[in-house]
């Protein structure tokens, strides 16, 4: 099992989300896990659940996760936004964190 597959399993990520990269910064005692989705992925408006194409993304955000072997672990992703006809441009929900949280659900 490779590092990306390991963190995919640890985080419980399901399609369309996948771990694209895992880096280790020994100096900072930190593991960085980068998550993304394939181009062309459709997402649901978080207000009305209408399925829409990805309109844009937020700038990269990060969430604190449980330590990995005593190393600080951060999850990184740009959150997709949809342009809902009823609700305008709105950020979709991600499966690993509650809205506005800086921690993964598992770490809260």
PDB file of N, CA and C in Angstrom:
ATOM      1  N   UNK A   1       0.848  -1.183   0.000  1.00  0.00           N
ATOM      2  CA  UNK A   1       0.000   0.000   0.000  1.00  0.00           C
ATOM      3  C   UNK A   1       0.890   1.243   0.000  1.00  0.00           C
ATOM      4  N   UNK A   2       0.598   2.170  -0.874  1.00  0.00           N
ATOM      5  CA  UNK A   2       1.349   3.415  -0.983  1.00  0.00           C
ATOM      6  C   UNK A   2       0.774   4.466  -0.026  1.00  0.00           C
ATOM      7  N   UNK A   3       1.541   5.541   0.180  1.00  0.00           N
ATOM      8  CA  UNK A   3       1.119   6.576   1.129  1.00  0.00           C
ATOM      9  C   UNK A   3      -0.237   7.182   0.773  1.00  0.00           C
ATOM     10  N   UNK A   4      -0.484   7.425  -0.510  1.00  0.00           N
ATOM     11  CA  UNK A   4      -1.769   8.015  -0.902  1.00  0.00           C
ATOM     12  C   UNK A   4      -2.925   7.065  -0.587  1.00  0.00           C
ATOM     13  N   UNK A   5      -2.731   5.791  -0.883  1.00  0.00           N
ATOM     14  CA  UNK A   5      -3.774   4.800  -0.595  1.00  0.00           C
ATOM     15  C   UNK A   5      -3.999   4.666   0.909  1.00  0.00           C
ATOM     16  N   UNK A   6      -2.915   4.711   1.668  1.00  0.00           N
ATOM     17  CA  UNK A   6      -3.011   4.615   3.120  1.00  0.00           C
ATOM     18  C   UNK A   6      -3.857   5.753   3.679  1.00  0.00           C
ATOM     19  N   UNK A   7      -3.557   6.990   3.288  1.00  0.00           N
ATOM     20  CA  UNK A   7      -4.311   8.132   3.806  1.00  0.00           C
ATOM     21  C   UNK A   7      -5.726   8.177   3.253  1.00  0.00           C
ATOM     22  N   UNK A   8      -5.929   7.695   2.030  1.00  0.00           N
ATOM     23  CA  UNK A   8      -7.283   7.581   1.472  1.00  0.00           C
ATOM     24  C   UNK A   8      -8.125   6.699   2.398  1.00  0.00           C
ATOM     25  N   UNK A   9      -7.552   5.577   2.823  1.00  0.00           N
ATOM     26  CA  UNK A   9      -8.261   4.646   3.713  1.00  0.00           C
ATOM     27  C   UNK A   9      -8.431   5.230   5.112  1.00  0.00           C
ATOM     28  N   UNK A  10      -7.382   5.837   5.646  1.00  0.00           N
ATOM     29  CA  UNK A  10      -7.437   6.420   6.996  1.00  0.00           C
ATOM     30  C   UNK A  10      -8.520   7.495   7.081  1.00  0.00           C
ATOM     31  N   UNK A  11      -8.593   8.347   6.040  1.00  0.00           N
ATOM     32  CA  UNK A  11      -9.562   9.441   6.031  1.00  0.00           C
ATOM     33  C   UNK A  11     -10.963   8.980   5.627  1.00  0.00           C
ATOM     34  N   UNK A  12     -11.063   7.774   5.073  1.00  0.00           N
ATOM     35  CA  UNK A  12     -12.361   7.264   4.638  1.00  0.00           C
ATOM     36  C   UNK A  12     -12.917   8.007   3.438  1.00  0.00           C
ATOM     37  N   UNK A  13     -12.039   8.542   2.594  1.00  0.00           N
ATOM     38  CA  UNK A  13     -12.492   9.316   1.439  1.00  0.00           C
ATOM     39  C   UNK A  13     -13.091   8.413   0.375  1.00  0.00           C
ATOM     40  N   UNK A  14     -14.208   8.830  -0.167  1.00  0.00           N
ATOM     41  CA  UNK A  14     -14.905   8.116  -1.235  1.00  0.00           C
ATOM     42  C   UNK A  14     -14.958   9.004  -2.475  1.00  0.00           C
ATOM     43  N   UNK A  15     -15.201   8.377  -3.611  1.00  0.00           N
ATOM     44  CA  UNK A  15     -15.330   9.096  -4.873  1.00  0.00           C
ATOM     45  C   UNK A  15     -16.357  10.217  -4.711  1.00  0.00           C
ATOM     46  N   UNK A  16     -16.097  11.400  -5.213  1.00  0.00           N
ATOM     47  CA  UNK A  16     -15.067  11.758  -6.180  1.00  0.00           C
ATOM     48  C   UNK A  16     -13.743  12.205  -5.555  1.00  0.00           C
ATOM     49  N   UNK A  17     -13.648  12.171  -4.226  1.00  0.00           N
ATOM     50  CA  UNK A  17     -12.459  12.684  -3.553  1.00  0.00           C
ATOM     51  C   UNK A  17     -11.352  11.643  -3.508  1.00  0.00           C
ATOM     52  N   UNK A  18     -10.119  12.108  -3.676  1.00  0.00           N
ATOM     53  CA  UNK A  18      -8.977  11.198  -3.557  1.00  0.00           C
ATOM     54  C   UNK A  18      -7.759  11.970  -3.055  1.00  0.00           C
ATOM     55  N   UNK A  19      -6.858  11.242  -2.444  1.00  0.00           N
ATOM     56  CA  UNK A  19      -5.594  11.823  -1.986  1.00  0.00           C
ATOM     57  C   UNK A  19      -4.667  11.905  -3.191  1.00  0.00           C
ATOM     58  N   UNK A  20      -4.231  13.108  -3.518  1.00  0.00           N
ATOM     59  CA  UNK A  20      -3.370  13.305  -4.690  1.00  0.00           C
ATOM     60  C   UNK A  20      -1.893  13.318  -4.334  1.00  0.00           C
ATOM     61  N   UNK A  21      -1.603  13.689  -3.083  1.00  0.00           N
ATOM     62  CA  UNK A  21      -0.192  13.803  -2.688  1.00  0.00           C
ATOM     63  C   UNK A  21      -0.094  13.758  -1.172  1.00  0.00           C
ATOM     64  N   UNK A  22       0.994  13.165  -0.683  1.00  0.00           N
ATOM     65  CA  UNK A  22       1.311  13.160   0.748  1.00  0.00           C
ATOM     66  C   UNK A  22       2.765  13.573   0.872  1.00  0.00           C
ATOM     67  N   UNK A  23       3.029  14.579   1.700  1.00  0.00           N
ATOM     68  CA  UNK A  23       4.409  15.020   1.902  1.00  0.00           C
ATOM     69  C   UNK A  23       4.759  14.973   3.381  1.00  0.00           C
ATOM     70  N   UNK A  24       6.023  14.733   3.647  1.00  0.00           N
ATOM     71  CA  UNK A  24       6.546  14.705   5.009  1.00  0.00           C
ATOM     72  C   UNK A  24       7.564  15.818   5.152  1.00  0.00           C
ATOM     73  N   UNK A  25       7.341  16.680   6.141  1.00  0.00           N
ATOM     74  CA  UNK A  25       8.293  17.733   6.453  1.00  0.00           C
ATOM     75  C   UNK A  25       8.906  17.376   7.807  1.00  0.00           C
ATOM     76  N   UNK A  26      10.069  16.743   7.760  1.00  0.00           N
ATOM     77  CA  UNK A  26      10.723  16.269   8.988  1.00  0.00           C
ATOM     78  C   UNK A  26      11.093  17.408   9.915  1.00  0.00           C
ATOM     79  N   UNK A  27      11.501  18.520   9.336  1.00  0.00           N
ATOM     80  CA  UNK A  27      11.900  19.675  10.137  1.00  0.00           C
ATOM     81  C   UNK A  27      10.734  20.189  10.984  1.00  0.00           C
ATOM     82  N   UNK A  28       9.548  20.233  10.391  1.00  0.00           N
ATOM     83  CA  UNK A  28       8.361  20.728  11.096  1.00  0.00           C
ATOM     84  C   UNK A  28       7.585  19.605  11.781  1.00  0.00           C
ATOM     85  N   UNK A  29       8.059  18.357  11.623  1.00  0.00           N
ATOM     86  CA  UNK A  29       7.365  17.203  12.205  1.00  0.00           C
ATOM     87  C   UNK A  29       5.899  17.201  11.764  1.00  0.00           C
ATOM     88  N   UNK A  30       5.715  17.273  10.425  1.00  0.00           N
ATOM     89  CA  UNK A  30       4.372  17.445   9.878  1.00  0.00           C
ATOM     90  C   UNK A  30       4.171  16.602   8.624  1.00  0.00           C
ATOM     91  N   UNK A  31       2.972  16.016   8.515  1.00  0.00           N
ATOM     92  CA  UNK A  31       2.531  15.316   7.310  1.00  0.00           C
ATOM     93  C   UNK A  31       1.442  16.170   6.670  1.00  0.00           C
ATOM     94  N   UNK A  32       1.578  16.434   5.369  1.00  0.00           N
ATOM     95  CA  UNK A  32       0.576  17.192   4.625  1.00  0.00           C
ATOM     96  C   UNK A  32      -0.085  16.262   3.623  1.00  0.00           C
ATOM     97  N   UNK A  33      -1.405  16.193   3.685  1.00  0.00           N
ATOM     98  CA  UNK A  33      -2.189  15.320   2.813  1.00  0.00           C
ATOM     99  C   UNK A  33      -3.038  16.216   1.907  1.00  0.00           C
ATOM    100  N   UNK A  34      -2.868  16.066   0.596  1.00  0.00           N
ATOM    101  CA  UNK A  34      -3.569  16.903  -0.373  1.00  0.00           C
ATOM    102  C   UNK A  34      -4.697  16.098  -1.017  1.00  0.00           C
ATOM    103  N   UNK A  35      -5.899  16.679  -1.018  1.00  0.00           N
ATOM    104  CA  UNK A  35      -7.096  16.001  -1.514  1.00  0.00           C
ATOM    105  C   UNK A  35      -7.656  16.801  -2.682  1.00  0.00           C
ATOM    106  N   UNK A  36      -8.111  16.067  -3.716  1.00  0.00           N
ATOM    107  CA  UNK A  36      -8.729  16.732  -4.862  1.00  0.00           C
ATOM    108  C   UNK A  36      -9.805  15.840  -5.463  1.00  0.00           C
ATOM    109  N   UNK A  37     -10.499  16.388  -6.453  1.00  0.00           N
ATOM    110  CA  UNK A  37     -11.524  15.644  -7.188  1.00  0.00           C
ATOM    111  C   UNK A  37     -11.221  15.764  -8.676  1.00  0.00           C
ATOM    112  N   UNK A  38     -11.715  14.818  -9.487  1.00  0.00           N
ATOM    113  CA  UNK A  38     -11.456  14.894 -10.925  1.00  0.00           C
ATOM    114  C   UNK A  38     -12.183  16.066 -11.580  1.00  0.00           C
ATOM    115  N   UNK A  39     -11.607  16.551 -12.650  1.00  0.00           N
ATOM    116  CA  UNK A  39     -12.244  17.584 -13.455  1.00  0.00           C
ATOM    117  C   UNK A  39     -13.577  17.052 -13.977  1.00  0.00           C
ATOM    118  N   UNK A  40     -14.577  17.906 -14.027  1.00  0.00           N
ATOM    119  CA  UNK A  40     -15.888  17.508 -14.533  1.00  0.00           C
ATOM    120  C   UNK A  40     -16.812  16.907 -13.490  1.00  0.00           C
ATOM    121  N   UNK A  41     -16.365  16.861 -12.240  1.00  0.00           N
ATOM    122  CA  UNK A  41     -17.198  16.305 -11.167  1.00  0.00           C
ATOM    123  C   UNK A  41     -18.407  17.199 -10.923  1.00  0.00           C
ATOM    124  N   UNK A  42     -19.556  16.569 -10.727  1.00  0.00           N
ATOM    125  CA  UNK A  42     -20.781  17.290 -10.390  1.00  0.00           C
ATOM    126  C   UNK A  42     -20.941  17.269  -8.865  1.00  0.00           C
ATOM    127  N   UNK A  43     -21.464  18.362  -8.320  1.00  0.00           N
ATOM    128  CA  UNK A  43     -21.668  18.476  -6.878  1.00  0.00           C
ATOM    129  C   UNK A  43     -23.086  18.947  -6.604  1.00  0.00           C
ATOM    130  N   UNK A  44     -23.553  18.720  -5.388  1.00  0.00           N
ATOM    131  CA  UNK A  44     -24.891  19.153  -4.979  1.00  0.00           C
ATOM    132  C   UNK A  44     -24.817  20.500  -4.282  1.00  0.00           C
ATOM    133  N   UNK A  45     -25.782  21.352  -4.593  1.00  0.00           N
ATOM    134  CA  UNK A  45     -25.933  22.600  -3.848  1.00  0.00           C
ATOM    135  C   UNK A  45     -26.239  22.215  -2.403  1.00  0.00           C
ATOM    136  N   UNK A  46     -25.530  22.782  -1.436  1.00  0.00           N
ATOM    137  CA  UNK A  46     -25.772  22.417  -0.038  1.00  0.00           C
ATOM    138  C   UNK A  46     -27.115  22.915   0.507  1.00  0.00           C
ATOM    139  N   UNK A  47     -27.769  23.810  -0.222  1.00  0.00           N
ATOM    140  CA  UNK A  47     -29.053  24.349   0.241  1.00  0.00           C
ATOM    141  C   UNK A  47     -30.249  23.564  -0.298  1.00  0.00           C
ATOM    142  N   UNK A  48     -30.187  23.170  -1.594  1.00  0.00           N
ATOM    143  CA  UNK A  48     -31.356  22.532  -2.211  1.00  0.00           C
ATOM    144  C   UNK A  48     -31.055  21.163  -2.815  1.00  0.00           C
ATOM    145  N   UNK A  49     -29.799  20.755  -2.792  1.00  0.00           N
ATOM    146  CA  UNK A  49     -29.357  19.445  -3.293  1.00  0.00           C
ATOM    147  C   UNK A  49     -29.428  19.290  -4.811  1.00  0.00           C
ATOM    148  N   UNK A  50     -29.613  20.381  -5.549  1.00  0.00           N
ATOM    149  CA  UNK A  50     -29.579  20.283  -7.014  1.00  0.00           C
ATOM    150  C   UNK A  50     -28.155  19.924  -7.440  1.00  0.00           C
ATOM    151  N   UNK A  51     -28.038  18.974  -8.368  1.00  0.00           N
ATOM    152  CA  UNK A  51     -26.732  18.549  -8.862  1.00  0.00           C
ATOM    153  C   UNK A  51     -26.277  19.511  -9.946  1.00  0.00           C
ATOM    154  N   UNK A  52     -25.075  20.059  -9.754  1.00  0.00           N
ATOM    155  CA  UNK A  52     -24.562  21.103 -10.645  1.00  0.00           C
ATOM    156  C   UNK A  52     -23.085  20.865 -10.935  1.00  0.00           C
ATOM    157  N   UNK A  53     -22.593  21.404 -12.068  1.00  0.00           N
ATOM    158  CA  UNK A  53     -21.155  21.299 -12.336  1.00  0.00           C
ATOM    159  C   UNK A  53     -20.368  22.231 -11.416  1.00  0.00           C
ATOM    160  N   UNK A  54     -19.124  21.906 -11.228  1.00  0.00           N
ATOM    161  CA  UNK A  54     -18.234  22.757 -10.434  1.00  0.00           C
ATOM    162  C   UNK A  54     -18.060  24.088 -11.158  1.00  0.00           C
ATOM    163  N   UNK A  55     -18.308  25.180 -10.460  1.00  0.00           N
ATOM    164  CA  UNK A  55     -18.193  26.520 -11.035  1.00  0.00           C
ATOM    165  C   UNK A  55     -16.803  27.097 -10.801  1.00  0.00           C
ATOM    166  N   UNK A  56     -16.267  26.891  -9.611  1.00  0.00           N
ATOM    167  CA  UNK A  56     -14.977  27.465  -9.216  1.00  0.00           C
ATOM    168  C   UNK A  56     -14.531  26.745  -7.944  1.00  0.00           C
ATOM    169  N   UNK A  57     -13.427  27.200  -7.374  1.00  0.00           N
ATOM    170  CA  UNK A  57     -12.919  26.648  -6.116  1.00  0.00           C
ATOM    171  C   UNK A  57     -12.511  27.785  -5.184  1.00  0.00           C
ATOM    172  N   UNK A  58     -12.554  27.517  -3.905  1.00  0.00           N
ATOM    173  CA  UNK A  58     -11.997  28.458  -2.937  1.00  0.00           C
ATOM    174  C   UNK A  58     -10.480  28.372  -3.032  1.00  0.00           C
ATOM    175  N   UNK A  59      -9.795  29.308  -2.432  1.00  0.00           N
ATOM    176  CA  UNK A  59      -8.345  29.144  -2.308  1.00  0.00           C
ATOM    177  C   UNK A  59      -8.112  27.959  -1.368  1.00  0.00           C
ATOM    178  N   UNK A  60      -6.919  27.408  -1.417  1.00  0.00           N
ATOM    179  CA  UNK A  60      -6.640  26.209  -0.627  1.00  0.00           C
ATOM    180  C   UNK A  60      -6.883  26.449   0.860  1.00  0.00           C
ATOM    181  N   UNK A  61      -7.568  25.500   1.473  1.00  0.00           N
ATOM    182  CA  UNK A  61      -7.793  25.521   2.922  1.00  0.00           C
ATOM    183  C   UNK A  61      -7.076  24.343   3.535  1.00  0.00           C
ATOM    184  N   UNK A  62      -6.931  24.385   4.838  1.00  0.00           N
ATOM    185  CA  UNK A  62      -6.334  23.239   5.529  1.00  0.00           C
ATOM    186  C   UNK A  62      -7.106  22.941   6.804  1.00  0.00           C
ATOM    187  N   UNK A  63      -7.125  21.640   7.145  1.00  0.00           N
ATOM    188  CA  UNK A  63      -7.817  21.150   8.327  1.00  0.00           C
ATOM    189  C   UNK A  63      -6.854  20.300   9.131  1.00  0.00           C
ATOM    190  N   UNK A  64      -6.903  20.429  10.427  1.00  0.00           N
ATOM    191  CA  UNK A  64      -6.064  19.633  11.328  1.00  0.00           C
ATOM    192  C   UNK A  64      -6.709  18.277  11.515  1.00  0.00           C
ATOM    193  N   UNK A  65      -5.913  17.229  11.374  1.00  0.00           N
ATOM    194  CA  UNK A  65      -6.378  15.861  11.565  1.00  0.00           C
ATOM    195  C   UNK A  65      -5.620  15.256  12.741  1.00  0.00           C
ATOM    196  N   UNK A  66      -5.985  14.032  13.120  1.00  0.00           N
ATOM    197  CA  UNK A  66      -5.222  13.322  14.150  1.00  0.00           C
ATOM    198  C   UNK A  66      -3.763  13.232  13.738  1.00  0.00           C
ATOM    199  N   UNK A  67      -2.880  13.213  14.709  1.00  0.00           N
ATOM    200  CA  UNK A  67      -1.461  13.022  14.412  1.00  0.00           C
ATOM    201  C   UNK A  67      -1.234  11.661  13.760  1.00  0.00           C
ATOM    202  N   UNK A  68      -0.243  11.616  12.874  1.00  0.00           N
ATOM    203  CA  UNK A  68       0.185  10.367  12.238  1.00  0.00           C
ATOM    204  C   UNK A  68       1.541  10.009  12.816  1.00  0.00           C
ATOM    205  N   UNK A  69       1.585   8.961  13.612  1.00  0.00           N
ATOM    206  CA  UNK A  69       2.858   8.539  14.231  1.00  0.00           C
ATOM    207  C   UNK A  69       3.532   9.714  14.934  1.00  0.00           C
ATOM    208  N   UNK A  70       2.763  10.460  15.688  1.00  0.00           N
ATOM    209  CA  UNK A  70       3.209  11.618  16.469  1.00  0.00           C
ATOM    210  C   UNK A  70       3.602  12.819  15.608  1.00  0.00           C
ATOM    211  N   UNK A  71       3.239  12.807  14.330  1.00  0.00           N
ATOM    212  CA  UNK A  71       3.511  13.944  13.448  1.00  0.00           C
ATOM    213  C   UNK A  71       2.211  14.708  13.210  1.00  0.00           C
ATOM    214  N   UNK A  72       2.275  16.036  13.332  1.00  0.00           N
ATOM    215  CA  UNK A  72       1.117  16.873  13.045  1.00  0.00           C
ATOM    216  C   UNK A  72       0.646  16.551  11.625  1.00  0.00           C
ATOM    217  N   UNK A  73      -0.660  16.355  11.450  1.00  0.00           N
ATOM    218  CA  UNK A  73      -1.197  15.989  10.138  1.00  0.00           C
ATOM    219  C   UNK A  73      -2.230  17.018   9.700  1.00  0.00           C
ATOM    220  N   UNK A  74      -2.013  17.565   8.502  1.00  0.00           N
ATOM    221  CA  UNK A  74      -2.911  18.566   7.936  1.00  0.00           C
ATOM    222  C   UNK A  74      -3.466  18.068   6.612  1.00  0.00           C
ATOM    223  N   UNK A  75      -4.759  18.283   6.416  1.00  0.00           N
ATOM    224  CA  UNK A  75      -5.437  17.959   5.171  1.00  0.00           C
ATOM    225  C   UNK A  75      -5.595  19.255   4.390  1.00  0.00           C
ATOM    226  N   UNK A  76      -5.242  19.243   3.100  1.00  0.00           N
ATOM    227  CA  UNK A  76      -5.307  20.438   2.250  1.00  0.00           C
ATOM    228  C   UNK A  76      -6.253  20.192   1.077  1.00  0.00           C
ATOM    229  N   UNK A  77      -7.099  21.176   0.753  1.00  0.00           N
ATOM    230  CA  UNK A  77      -7.971  21.071  -0.419  1.00  0.00           C
ATOM    231  C   UNK A  77      -8.524  22.447  -0.766  1.00  0.00           C
ATOM    232  N   UNK A  78      -8.853  22.607  -2.040  1.00  0.00           N
ATOM    233  CA  UNK A  78      -9.616  23.764  -2.500  1.00  0.00           C
ATOM    234  C   UNK A  78     -11.057  23.293  -2.627  1.00  0.00           C
ATOM    235  N   UNK A  79     -11.968  23.956  -1.953  1.00  0.00           N
ATOM    236  CA  UNK A  79     -13.358  23.503  -1.916  1.00  0.00           C
ATOM    237  C   UNK A  79     -14.096  23.970  -3.170  1.00  0.00           C
ATOM    238  N   UNK A  80     -14.775  23.043  -3.851  1.00  0.00           N
ATOM    239  CA  UNK A  80     -15.548  23.417  -5.035  1.00  0.00           C
ATOM    240  C   UNK A  80     -16.711  24.339  -4.677  1.00  0.00           C
ATOM    241  N   UNK A  81     -17.073  25.150  -5.654  1.00  0.00           N
ATOM    242  CA  UNK A  81     -18.250  26.002  -5.544  1.00  0.00           C
ATOM    243  C   UNK A  81     -19.152  25.687  -6.734  1.00  0.00           C
ATOM    244  N   UNK A  82     -20.452  25.744  -6.521  1.00  0.00           N
ATOM    245  CA  UNK A  82     -21.413  25.577  -7.606  1.00  0.00           C
ATOM    246  C   UNK A  82     -22.163  26.889  -7.782  1.00  0.00           C
ATOM    247  N   UNK A  83     -22.706  27.100  -8.982  1.00  0.00           N
ATOM    248  CA  UNK A  83     -23.513  28.283  -9.248  1.00  0.00           C
ATOM    249  C   UNK A  83     -24.964  27.822  -9.365  1.00  0.00           C
ATOM    250  N   UNK A  84     -25.642  27.832  -8.235  1.00  0.00           N
ATOM    251  CA  UNK A  84     -27.023  27.352  -8.159  1.00  0.00           C
ATOM    252  C   UNK A  84     -27.972  28.443  -8.673  1.00  0.00           C
ATOM    253  N   UNK A  85     -28.937  28.083  -9.538  1.00  0.00           N
ATOM    254  CA  UNK A  85     -29.887  29.086 -10.028  1.00  0.00           C
ATOM    255  C   UNK A  85     -30.693  29.737  -8.903  1.00  0.00           C
ATOM    256  N   UNK A  86     -30.926  29.004  -7.815  1.00  0.00           N
ATOM    257  CA  UNK A  86     -31.711  29.538  -6.696  1.00  0.00           C
ATOM    258  C   UNK A  86     -30.866  30.200  -5.617  1.00  0.00           C
ATOM    259  N   UNK A  87     -29.629  29.717  -5.401  1.00  0.00           N
ATOM    260  CA  UNK A  87     -28.830  30.181  -4.266  1.00  0.00           C
ATOM    261  C   UNK A  87     -27.542  30.890  -4.658  1.00  0.00           C
ATOM    262  N   UNK A  88     -27.280  31.027  -5.944  1.00  0.00           N
ATOM    263  CA  UNK A  88     -26.077  31.713  -6.408  1.00  0.00           C
ATOM    264  C   UNK A  88     -24.840  30.845  -6.230  1.00  0.00           C
ATOM    265  N   UNK A  89     -23.690  31.493  -6.273  1.00  0.00           N
ATOM    266  CA  UNK A  89     -22.424  30.774  -6.115  1.00  0.00           C
ATOM    267  C   UNK A  89     -22.271  30.407  -4.646  1.00  0.00           C
ATOM    268  N   UNK A  90     -22.116  29.115  -4.397  1.00  0.00           N
ATOM    269  CA  UNK A  90     -22.087  28.624  -3.021  1.00  0.00           C
ATOM    270  C   UNK A  90     -21.092  27.475  -2.899  1.00  0.00           C
ATOM    271  N   UNK A  91     -20.413  27.458  -1.787  1.00  0.00           N
ATOM    272  CA  UNK A  91     -19.400  26.430  -1.498  1.00  0.00           C
ATOM    273  C   UNK A  91     -20.093  25.118  -1.141  1.00  0.00           C
ATOM    274  N   UNK A  92     -19.618  24.007  -1.725  1.00  0.00           N
ATOM    275  CA  UNK A  92     -20.216  22.703  -1.413  1.00  0.00           C
ATOM    276  C   UNK A  92     -19.702  22.211  -0.065  1.00  0.00           C
ATOM    277  N   UNK A  93     -20.375  21.210   0.467  1.00  0.00           N
ATOM    278  CA  UNK A  93     -19.924  20.590   1.717  1.00  0.00           C
ATOM    279  C   UNK A  93     -18.874  19.540   1.392  1.00  0.00           C
ATOM    280  N   UNK A  94     -17.889  19.442   2.248  1.00  0.00           N
ATOM    281  CA  UNK A  94     -16.869  18.403   2.081  1.00  0.00           C
ATOM    282  C   UNK A  94     -17.131  17.315   3.123  1.00  0.00           C
ATOM    283  N   UNK A  95     -16.847  16.051   2.789  1.00  0.00           N
ATOM    284  CA  UNK A  95     -17.199  14.967   3.707  1.00  0.00           C
ATOM    285  C   UNK A  95     -16.308  14.835   4.932  1.00  0.00           C
ATOM    286  N   UNK A  96     -15.180  15.523   4.958  1.00  0.00           N
ATOM    287  CA  UNK A  96     -14.240  15.342   6.077  1.00  0.00           C
ATOM    288  C   UNK A  96     -14.331  16.434   7.134  1.00  0.00           C
ATOM    289  N   UNK A  97     -15.137  17.481   6.922  1.00  0.00           N
ATOM    290  CA  UNK A  97     -15.191  18.571   7.903  1.00  0.00           C
ATOM    291  C   UNK A  97     -16.557  19.243   7.897  1.00  0.00           C
ATOM    292  N   UNK A  98     -16.950  19.762   9.048  1.00  0.00           N
ATOM    293  CA  UNK A  98     -18.163  20.562   9.137  1.00  0.00           C
ATOM    294  C   UNK A  98     -17.884  21.950   8.582  1.00  0.00           C
ATOM    295  N   UNK A  99     -18.933  22.616   8.128  1.00  0.00           N
ATOM    296  CA  UNK A  99     -18.814  23.956   7.565  1.00  0.00           C
ATOM    297  C   UNK A  99     -18.119  24.890   8.558  1.00  0.00           C
ATOM    298  N   UNK A 100     -17.082  25.586   8.076  1.00  0.00           N
ATOM    299  CA  UNK A 100     -16.374  26.565   8.887  1.00  0.00           C
ATOM    300  C   UNK A 100     -15.361  26.000   9.864  1.00  0.00           C
ATOM    301  N   UNK A 101     -15.282  24.685   9.979  1.00  0.00           N
ATOM    302  CA  UNK A 101     -14.355  24.081  10.942  1.00  0.00           C
ATOM    303  C   UNK A 101     -12.928  24.058  10.403  1.00  0.00           C
ATOM    304  N   UNK A 102     -11.975  24.144  11.310  1.00  0.00           N
ATOM    305  CA  UNK A 102     -10.565  24.019  10.938  1.00  0.00           C
ATOM    306  C   UNK A 102     -10.019  22.634  11.271  1.00  0.00           C
ATOM    307  N   UNK A 103     -10.907  21.744  11.711  1.00  0.00           N
ATOM    308  CA  UNK A 103     -10.527  20.381  12.073  1.00  0.00           C
ATOM    309  C   UNK A 103     -11.348  19.392  11.258  1.00  0.00           C
ATOM    310  N   UNK A 104     -10.771  18.222  10.982  1.00  0.00           N
ATOM    311  CA  UNK A 104     -11.565  17.180  10.345  1.00  0.00           C
ATOM    312  C   UNK A 104     -12.596  16.684  11.347  1.00  0.00           C
ATOM    313  N   UNK A 105     -13.663  16.092  10.845  1.00  0.00           N
ATOM    314  CA  UNK A 105     -14.716  15.576  11.725  1.00  0.00           C
ATOM    315  C   UNK A 105     -14.142  14.572  12.711  1.00  0.00           C
ATOM    316  N   UNK A 106     -13.232  13.720  12.243  1.00  0.00           N
ATOM    317  CA  UNK A 106     -12.638  12.717  13.125  1.00  0.00           C
ATOM    318  C   UNK A 106     -11.805  13.344  14.244  1.00  0.00           C
ATOM    319  N   UNK A 107     -11.257  14.536  14.003  1.00  0.00           N
ATOM    320  CA  UNK A 107     -10.395  15.179  15.003  1.00  0.00           C
ATOM    321  C   UNK A 107     -11.185  16.037  15.990  1.00  0.00           C
ATOM    322  N   UNK A 108     -12.467  16.254  15.731  1.00  0.00           N
ATOM    323  CA  UNK A 108     -13.262  17.094  16.641  1.00  0.00           C
ATOM    324  C   UNK A 108     -13.833  16.288  17.779  1.00  0.00           C
TER     325      UNK A 108
END
